[in-house]
Amino acid sequence: MGAGVGSWLAQKLKLSSKERRILLLSGAAGGLGAIFRAPLGGALTAIAVIYREDFESEAILPSVISSVVSYSLFTLFYGTEPIFGIPRFVFHDPRELIFYVALALVCTLAGWMYIRTFRFIKFSVFNQVRDRVGLMWATALGGLMMGIM
């Protein structure tokens, strides 16, 4: 929403395309910084993710200012509590480490399987669909399958 407001404002003020991109990135950074309660992370994420091929170095300062201001206003109204409550964990016995090692192995296996499944679906299924019916229909099929899931 912040990026949309920034782009709309740039359009209404009849700014150049470069200034519109900076305003769009600043709006996105403000939204990300406030909602995730991470002003610097919001600014850098907006700049790095939205324009990952063409890093907008001119947008760093406006994005940081936008993100810090939005974070400050957000915390003024909603407080500074963490997004997710984290219970207090206490380590009692070294034998607990066995379960953490087992959990680490299970998480490693699950991550490996996720990446293998993602690559299989992308390269074996959707590349063939894209070659047969085109990118638009392959994207539509992926969106439909995601909606069904």
N, C-alpha and C. Protein backbone atom coordinates (compact mmCIF):
# COMPACT_ATOMS: atom_id res chain seq x y z
N MET A 1 0.83 -1.19 0.00
CA MET A 1 0.00 0.00 0.00
C MET A 1 0.87 1.25 0.00
N GLY A 2 1.97 1.20 0.72
CA GLY A 2 2.86 2.35 0.76
C GLY A 2 3.45 2.64 -0.61
N ALA A 3 3.82 1.59 -1.34
CA ALA A 3 4.37 1.78 -2.68
C ALA A 3 3.30 2.34 -3.61
N GLY A 4 2.07 1.88 -3.47
CA GLY A 4 0.98 2.39 -4.30
C GLY A 4 0.71 3.86 -4.02
N VAL A 5 0.72 4.24 -2.76
CA VAL A 5 0.50 5.65 -2.40
C VAL A 5 1.65 6.50 -2.94
N GLY A 6 2.88 6.00 -2.83
CA GLY A 6 4.02 6.75 -3.33
C GLY A 6 3.95 6.95 -4.84
N SER A 7 3.58 5.90 -5.55
CA SER A 7 3.45 6.00 -7.00
C SER A 7 2.31 6.94 -7.39
N TRP A 8 1.18 6.82 -6.69
CA TRP A 8 0.03 7.69 -6.97
C TRP A 8 0.38 9.16 -6.73
N LEU A 9 1.07 9.42 -5.63
CA LEU A 9 1.46 10.79 -5.30
C LEU A 9 2.42 11.35 -6.37
N ALA A 10 3.35 10.53 -6.81
CA ALA A 10 4.28 10.98 -7.85
C ALA A 10 3.54 11.27 -9.15
N GLN A 11 2.52 10.47 -9.44
CA GLN A 11 1.73 10.69 -10.65
C GLN A 11 0.94 12.00 -10.55
N LYS A 12 0.35 12.24 -9.40
CA LYS A 12 -0.43 13.47 -9.20
C LYS A 12 0.45 14.72 -9.24
N LEU A 13 1.67 14.60 -8.75
CA LEU A 13 2.59 15.74 -8.75
C LEU A 13 3.35 15.87 -10.06
N LYS A 14 3.09 14.95 -11.01
CA LYS A 14 3.72 14.95 -12.33
C LYS A 14 5.25 14.92 -12.23
N LEU A 15 5.76 14.00 -11.41
CA LEU A 15 7.20 13.84 -11.25
C LEU A 15 7.76 12.96 -12.36
N SER A 16 9.07 13.00 -12.54
CA SER A 16 9.72 12.18 -13.57
C SER A 16 9.67 10.71 -13.15
N SER A 17 9.99 9.83 -14.09
CA SER A 17 9.95 8.39 -13.79
C SER A 17 10.98 8.02 -12.72
N LYS A 18 12.13 8.67 -12.72
CA LYS A 18 13.13 8.40 -11.69
C LYS A 18 12.63 8.82 -10.31
N GLU A 19 12.01 10.00 -10.23
CA GLU A 19 11.46 10.47 -8.96
C GLU A 19 10.29 9.59 -8.53
N ARG A 20 9.52 9.08 -9.49
CA ARG A 20 8.41 8.18 -9.17
C ARG A 20 8.94 6.89 -8.56
N ARG A 21 10.02 6.35 -9.12
CA ARG A 21 10.61 5.12 -8.56
C ARG A 21 11.10 5.37 -7.14
N ILE A 22 11.72 6.51 -6.89
CA ILE A 22 12.22 6.82 -5.55
C ILE A 22 11.05 6.94 -4.58
N LEU A 23 9.97 7.59 -5.00
CA LEU A 23 8.80 7.72 -4.14
C LEU A 23 8.13 6.37 -3.91
N LEU A 24 8.09 5.53 -4.94
CA LEU A 24 7.54 4.19 -4.80
C LEU A 24 8.35 3.38 -3.79
N LEU A 25 9.67 3.42 -3.92
CA LEU A 25 10.53 2.69 -2.98
C LEU A 25 10.41 3.24 -1.57
N SER A 26 10.28 4.54 -1.44
CA SER A 26 10.14 5.14 -0.10
C SER A 26 8.82 4.71 0.53
N GLY A 27 7.77 4.66 -0.26
CA GLY A 27 6.48 4.20 0.27
C GLY A 27 6.53 2.75 0.70
N ALA A 28 7.15 1.91 -0.13
CA ALA A 28 7.28 0.50 0.22
C ALA A 28 8.12 0.33 1.48
N ALA A 29 9.21 1.09 1.58
CA ALA A 29 10.09 1.01 2.75
C ALA A 29 9.34 1.43 4.02
N GLY A 30 8.51 2.47 3.90
CA GLY A 30 7.74 2.91 5.05
C GLY A 30 6.78 1.84 5.52
N GLY A 31 6.10 1.22 4.59
CA GLY A 31 5.16 0.15 4.95
C GLY A 31 5.87 -1.04 5.57
N LEU A 32 6.95 -1.47 4.96
CA LEU A 32 7.69 -2.62 5.49
C LEU A 32 8.31 -2.32 6.85
N GLY A 33 8.89 -1.13 6.99
CA GLY A 33 9.53 -0.78 8.26
C GLY A 33 8.54 -0.72 9.40
N ALA A 34 7.34 -0.22 9.12
CA ALA A 34 6.34 -0.11 10.18
C ALA A 34 5.73 -1.46 10.53
N ILE A 35 5.30 -2.20 9.54
CA ILE A 35 4.55 -3.42 9.83
C ILE A 35 5.44 -4.52 10.41
N PHE A 36 6.70 -4.56 9.99
CA PHE A 36 7.61 -5.57 10.53
C PHE A 36 8.46 -5.04 11.68
N ARG A 37 8.26 -3.78 12.02
CA ARG A 37 8.96 -3.14 13.13
C ARG A 37 10.49 -3.25 12.98
N ALA A 38 10.94 -2.99 11.78
CA ALA A 38 12.37 -3.04 11.48
C ALA A 38 12.68 -1.95 10.46
N PRO A 39 12.93 -0.72 10.92
CA PRO A 39 13.06 0.39 9.97
C PRO A 39 14.21 0.24 8.98
N LEU A 40 15.38 -0.15 9.43
CA LEU A 40 16.49 -0.28 8.49
C LEU A 40 16.27 -1.48 7.56
N GLY A 41 15.75 -2.55 8.11
CA GLY A 41 15.45 -3.72 7.29
C GLY A 41 14.40 -3.43 6.25
N GLY A 42 13.38 -2.64 6.61
CA GLY A 42 12.35 -2.27 5.65
C GLY A 42 12.91 -1.45 4.51
N ALA A 43 13.78 -0.51 4.84
CA ALA A 43 14.37 0.35 3.80
C ALA A 43 15.25 -0.46 2.86
N LEU A 44 16.12 -1.28 3.40
CA LEU A 44 17.02 -2.05 2.55
C LEU A 44 16.29 -3.13 1.76
N THR A 45 15.27 -3.73 2.36
CA THR A 45 14.49 -4.74 1.64
C THR A 45 13.76 -4.12 0.46
N ALA A 46 13.16 -2.97 0.67
CA ALA A 46 12.44 -2.32 -0.42
C ALA A 46 13.37 -2.01 -1.58
N ILE A 47 14.55 -1.49 -1.28
CA ILE A 47 15.49 -1.12 -2.34
C ILE A 47 16.05 -2.37 -3.03
N ALA A 48 16.40 -3.38 -2.26
CA ALA A 48 17.07 -4.55 -2.83
C ALA A 48 16.10 -5.49 -3.53
N VAL A 49 14.88 -5.63 -3.03
CA VAL A 49 13.96 -6.61 -3.59
C VAL A 49 13.18 -6.05 -4.77
N ILE A 50 12.67 -4.85 -4.66
CA ILE A 50 11.83 -4.31 -5.72
C ILE A 50 12.64 -4.05 -6.98
N TYR A 51 13.83 -3.51 -6.84
CA TYR A 51 14.70 -3.26 -7.98
C TYR A 51 15.97 -4.05 -7.83
N ARG A 52 15.87 -5.35 -7.90
CA ARG A 52 17.05 -6.17 -7.64
C ARG A 52 18.05 -6.15 -8.79
N GLU A 53 17.60 -5.89 -10.03
CA GLU A 53 18.55 -5.80 -11.13
C GLU A 53 19.24 -4.43 -11.16
N ASP A 54 18.49 -3.40 -10.80
CA ASP A 54 18.99 -2.03 -10.91
C ASP A 54 18.87 -1.38 -9.54
N PHE A 55 19.91 -1.51 -8.73
CA PHE A 55 19.90 -1.00 -7.36
C PHE A 55 19.79 0.53 -7.38
N GLU A 56 18.76 1.05 -6.77
CA GLU A 56 18.53 2.50 -6.74
C GLU A 56 19.29 3.11 -5.57
N SER A 57 20.53 3.53 -5.80
CA SER A 57 21.32 4.09 -4.72
C SER A 57 20.78 5.46 -4.28
N GLU A 58 20.12 6.18 -5.21
CA GLU A 58 19.56 7.49 -4.85
C GLU A 58 18.39 7.37 -3.88
N ALA A 59 17.80 6.17 -3.80
CA ALA A 59 16.62 5.98 -2.97
C ALA A 59 16.95 5.54 -1.54
N ILE A 60 18.22 5.34 -1.23
CA ILE A 60 18.56 4.84 0.10
C ILE A 60 18.15 5.83 1.19
N LEU A 61 18.57 7.07 1.08
CA LEU A 61 18.27 8.05 2.12
C LEU A 61 16.76 8.31 2.24
N PRO A 62 16.02 8.56 1.15
CA PRO A 62 14.57 8.74 1.31
C PRO A 62 13.88 7.50 1.88
N SER A 63 14.35 6.32 1.51
CA SER A 63 13.74 5.09 2.03
C SER A 63 14.00 4.92 3.52
N VAL A 64 15.22 5.22 3.96
CA VAL A 64 15.53 5.11 5.39
C VAL A 64 14.70 6.12 6.18
N ILE A 65 14.61 7.35 5.68
CA ILE A 65 13.82 8.37 6.39
C ILE A 65 12.36 7.96 6.44
N SER A 66 11.81 7.49 5.33
CA SER A 66 10.42 7.05 5.30
C SER A 66 10.17 5.89 6.26
N SER A 67 11.09 4.93 6.26
CA SER A 67 10.93 3.76 7.11
C SER A 67 11.03 4.12 8.59
N VAL A 68 11.96 4.99 8.94
CA VAL A 68 12.12 5.39 10.35
C VAL A 68 10.92 6.20 10.82
N VAL A 69 10.43 7.11 9.98
CA VAL A 69 9.26 7.91 10.37
C VAL A 69 8.03 7.03 10.53
N SER A 70 7.82 6.11 9.59
CA SER A 70 6.64 5.24 9.69
C SER A 70 6.75 4.31 10.90
N TYR A 71 7.94 3.80 11.17
CA TYR A 71 8.14 2.97 12.35
C TYR A 71 7.86 3.77 13.62
N SER A 72 8.33 5.00 13.67
CA SER A 72 8.12 5.85 14.85
C SER A 72 6.64 6.12 15.08
N LEU A 73 5.92 6.43 14.00
CA LEU A 73 4.48 6.67 14.13
C LEU A 73 3.74 5.39 14.53
N PHE A 74 4.15 4.27 13.96
CA PHE A 74 3.51 3.00 14.29
C PHE A 74 3.69 2.67 15.77
N THR A 75 4.92 2.82 16.27
CA THR A 75 5.16 2.50 17.67
C THR A 75 4.52 3.53 18.60
N LEU A 76 4.31 4.74 18.12
CA LEU A 76 3.62 5.75 18.93
C LEU A 76 2.19 5.31 19.23
N PHE A 77 1.53 4.72 18.22
CA PHE A 77 0.14 4.31 18.39
C PHE A 77 -0.02 2.89 18.91
N TYR A 78 0.87 1.97 18.53
CA TYR A 78 0.68 0.56 18.88
C TYR A 78 1.69 0.03 19.88
N GLY A 79 2.66 0.80 20.27
CA GLY A 79 3.63 0.34 21.26
C GLY A 79 4.80 -0.38 20.62
N THR A 80 5.75 -0.76 21.47
CA THR A 80 6.98 -1.38 20.98
C THR A 80 7.07 -2.85 21.32
N GLU A 81 5.96 -3.49 21.63
CA GLU A 81 5.98 -4.92 21.93
C GLU A 81 6.39 -5.70 20.68
N PRO A 82 7.06 -6.84 20.86
CA PRO A 82 7.41 -7.66 19.68
C PRO A 82 6.15 -8.14 18.95
N ILE A 83 6.31 -8.42 17.67
CA ILE A 83 5.17 -8.90 16.88
C ILE A 83 4.67 -10.22 17.43
N PHE A 84 5.58 -11.12 17.70
CA PHE A 84 5.22 -12.43 18.23
C PHE A 84 5.77 -12.54 19.64
N GLY A 85 4.94 -13.01 20.57
CA GLY A 85 5.40 -13.22 21.93
C GLY A 85 6.37 -14.39 21.99
N ILE A 86 7.49 -14.19 22.62
CA ILE A 86 8.50 -15.24 22.71
C ILE A 86 8.57 -15.70 24.16
N PRO A 87 8.26 -16.98 24.40
CA PRO A 87 8.34 -17.47 25.79
C PRO A 87 9.80 -17.54 26.25
N ARG A 88 9.97 -17.50 27.52
CA ARG A 88 11.32 -17.55 28.08
C ARG A 88 11.77 -19.01 28.17
N PHE A 89 12.89 -19.32 27.52
CA PHE A 89 13.43 -20.67 27.53
C PHE A 89 14.63 -20.73 28.47
N VAL A 90 14.69 -21.80 29.23
CA VAL A 90 15.80 -21.97 30.16
C VAL A 90 16.43 -23.34 29.90
N PHE A 91 17.73 -23.35 29.78
CA PHE A 91 18.48 -24.59 29.56
C PHE A 91 18.81 -25.20 30.91
N HIS A 92 18.35 -26.47 31.13
CA HIS A 92 18.54 -27.10 32.44
C HIS A 92 19.57 -28.22 32.43
N ASP A 93 19.54 -29.04 31.39
CA ASP A 93 20.33 -30.26 31.41
C ASP A 93 20.99 -30.47 30.05
N PRO A 94 22.25 -30.88 30.01
CA PRO A 94 22.92 -31.12 28.71
C PRO A 94 22.24 -32.19 27.86
N ARG A 95 21.45 -33.07 28.48
CA ARG A 95 20.76 -34.11 27.70
C ARG A 95 19.69 -33.51 26.78
N GLU A 96 19.30 -32.28 27.03
CA GLU A 96 18.34 -31.61 26.15
C GLU A 96 18.92 -31.39 24.76
N LEU A 97 20.24 -31.31 24.66
CA LEU A 97 20.88 -31.07 23.38
C LEU A 97 20.60 -32.18 22.37
N ILE A 98 20.36 -33.39 22.84
CA ILE A 98 20.06 -34.51 21.95
C ILE A 98 18.81 -34.19 21.12
N PHE A 99 17.80 -33.65 21.77
CA PHE A 99 16.57 -33.33 21.07
C PHE A 99 16.76 -32.16 20.09
N TYR A 100 17.63 -31.23 20.46
CA TYR A 100 17.91 -30.12 19.54
C TYR A 100 18.67 -30.60 18.31
N VAL A 101 19.56 -31.54 18.49
CA VAL A 101 20.28 -32.11 17.35
C VAL A 101 19.30 -32.86 16.45
N ALA A 102 18.40 -33.64 17.05
CA ALA A 102 17.38 -34.35 16.26
C ALA A 102 16.49 -33.36 15.50
N LEU A 103 16.10 -32.29 16.16
CA LEU A 103 15.29 -31.27 15.51
C LEU A 103 16.04 -30.62 14.36
N ALA A 104 17.33 -30.37 14.55
CA ALA A 104 18.14 -29.78 13.49
C ALA A 104 18.22 -30.70 12.28
N LEU A 105 18.36 -31.99 12.51
CA LEU A 105 18.40 -32.94 11.40
C LEU A 105 17.07 -33.02 10.67
N VAL A 106 15.98 -33.01 11.41
CA VAL A 106 14.65 -33.05 10.78
C VAL A 106 14.42 -31.77 9.97
N CYS A 107 14.80 -30.62 10.50
CA CYS A 107 14.64 -29.34 9.78
C CYS A 107 15.52 -29.31 8.54
N THR A 108 16.73 -29.85 8.63
CA THR A 108 17.62 -29.91 7.48
C THR A 108 17.01 -30.78 6.38
N LEU A 109 16.48 -31.92 6.74
CA LEU A 109 15.85 -32.82 5.78
C LEU A 109 14.61 -32.16 5.15
N ALA A 110 13.81 -31.50 5.96
CA ALA A 110 12.61 -30.83 5.44
C ALA A 110 13.00 -29.71 4.49
N GLY A 111 14.02 -28.93 4.80
CA GLY A 111 14.47 -27.87 3.91
C GLY A 111 15.01 -28.42 2.61
N TRP A 112 15.78 -29.50 2.68
CA TRP A 112 16.32 -30.12 1.48
C TRP A 112 15.19 -30.64 0.59
N MET A 113 14.19 -31.28 1.21
CA MET A 113 13.06 -31.80 0.44
C MET A 113 12.25 -30.66 -0.18
N TYR A 114 12.09 -29.56 0.54
CA TYR A 114 11.35 -28.41 0.01
C TYR A 114 12.04 -27.86 -1.24
N ILE A 115 13.35 -27.68 -1.17
CA ILE A 115 14.09 -27.14 -2.31
C ILE A 115 14.05 -28.10 -3.49
N ARG A 116 14.21 -29.38 -3.24
CA ARG A 116 14.15 -30.37 -4.33
C ARG A 116 12.77 -30.38 -4.97
N THR A 117 11.71 -30.31 -4.15
CA THR A 117 10.35 -30.30 -4.69
C THR A 117 10.11 -29.03 -5.49
N PHE A 118 10.55 -27.90 -4.99
CA PHE A 118 10.38 -26.63 -5.70
C PHE A 118 11.08 -26.67 -7.05
N ARG A 119 12.32 -27.13 -7.07
CA ARG A 119 13.06 -27.20 -8.33
C ARG A 119 12.43 -28.17 -9.31
N PHE A 120 11.94 -29.31 -8.79
CA PHE A 120 11.29 -30.29 -9.66
C PHE A 120 10.05 -29.69 -10.31
N ILE A 121 9.21 -29.06 -9.50
CA ILE A 121 7.98 -28.47 -10.04
C ILE A 121 8.31 -27.34 -11.02
N LYS A 122 9.29 -26.52 -10.68
CA LYS A 122 9.63 -25.40 -11.56
C LYS A 122 10.20 -25.87 -12.89
N PHE A 123 11.19 -26.75 -12.84
CA PHE A 123 11.90 -27.11 -14.05
C PHE A 123 11.24 -28.27 -14.81
N SER A 124 10.64 -29.22 -14.12
CA SER A 124 10.06 -30.37 -14.81
C SER A 124 8.61 -30.15 -15.21
N VAL A 125 7.87 -29.40 -14.42
CA VAL A 125 6.45 -29.23 -14.71
C VAL A 125 6.19 -27.91 -15.41
N PHE A 126 6.52 -26.80 -14.76
CA PHE A 126 6.13 -25.50 -15.30
C PHE A 126 6.94 -25.07 -16.52
N ASN A 127 8.17 -25.50 -16.65
CA ASN A 127 8.90 -25.18 -17.88
C ASN A 127 8.26 -25.86 -19.09
N GLN A 128 7.80 -27.10 -18.91
CA GLN A 128 7.12 -27.80 -20.01
C GLN A 128 5.78 -27.15 -20.32
N VAL A 129 5.03 -26.76 -19.29
CA VAL A 129 3.75 -26.08 -19.51
C VAL A 129 3.99 -24.74 -20.21
N ARG A 130 5.00 -24.00 -19.77
CA ARG A 130 5.32 -22.72 -20.38
C ARG A 130 5.70 -22.87 -21.85
N ASP A 131 6.47 -23.90 -22.15
CA ASP A 131 6.86 -24.12 -23.55
C ASP A 131 5.67 -24.47 -24.42
N ARG A 132 4.68 -25.16 -23.88
CA ARG A 132 3.52 -25.58 -24.67
C ARG A 132 2.46 -24.49 -24.82
N VAL A 133 2.14 -23.80 -23.72
CA VAL A 133 1.01 -22.86 -23.77
C VAL A 133 1.40 -21.41 -23.54
N GLY A 134 2.63 -21.15 -23.15
CA GLY A 134 3.07 -19.78 -22.94
C GLY A 134 3.16 -19.42 -21.47
N LEU A 135 3.87 -18.33 -21.22
CA LEU A 135 4.14 -17.89 -19.85
C LEU A 135 2.86 -17.48 -19.12
N MET A 136 1.96 -16.78 -19.81
CA MET A 136 0.75 -16.29 -19.15
C MET A 136 -0.11 -17.44 -18.62
N TRP A 137 -0.29 -18.48 -19.42
CA TRP A 137 -1.13 -19.60 -18.98
C TRP A 137 -0.43 -20.45 -17.94
N ALA A 138 0.90 -20.56 -18.02
CA ALA A 138 1.63 -21.29 -16.99
C ALA A 138 1.52 -20.57 -15.65
N THR A 139 1.59 -19.24 -15.68
CA THR A 139 1.43 -18.45 -14.46
C THR A 139 0.02 -18.59 -13.91
N ALA A 140 -0.97 -18.58 -14.80
CA ALA A 140 -2.36 -18.72 -14.38
C ALA A 140 -2.58 -20.11 -13.76
N LEU A 141 -1.98 -21.13 -14.35
CA LEU A 141 -2.10 -22.49 -13.79
C LEU A 141 -1.46 -22.56 -12.41
N GLY A 142 -0.31 -21.94 -12.25
CA GLY A 142 0.35 -21.92 -10.95
C GLY A 142 -0.49 -21.20 -9.90
N GLY A 143 -1.10 -20.07 -10.28
CA GLY A 143 -1.97 -19.36 -9.36
C GLY A 143 -3.22 -20.16 -9.00
N LEU A 144 -3.79 -20.85 -10.00
CA LEU A 144 -4.96 -21.69 -9.73
C LEU A 144 -4.62 -22.84 -8.79
N MET A 145 -3.47 -23.46 -9.03
CA MET A 145 -3.06 -24.57 -8.14
C MET A 145 -2.80 -24.09 -6.72
N MET A 146 -2.21 -22.90 -6.61
CA MET A 146 -1.96 -22.34 -5.28
C MET A 146 -3.28 -22.02 -4.59
N GLY A 147 -4.25 -21.49 -5.34
CA GLY A 147 -5.57 -21.20 -4.77
C GLY A 147 -6.28 -22.47 -4.32
N ILE A 148 -6.15 -23.54 -5.08
CA ILE A 148 -6.79 -24.80 -4.71
C ILE A 148 -6.15 -25.37 -3.45
N MET A 149 -4.82 -25.24 -3.38
CA MET A 149 -4.14 -25.76 -2.18
C MET A 149 -4.57 -24.96 -0.97
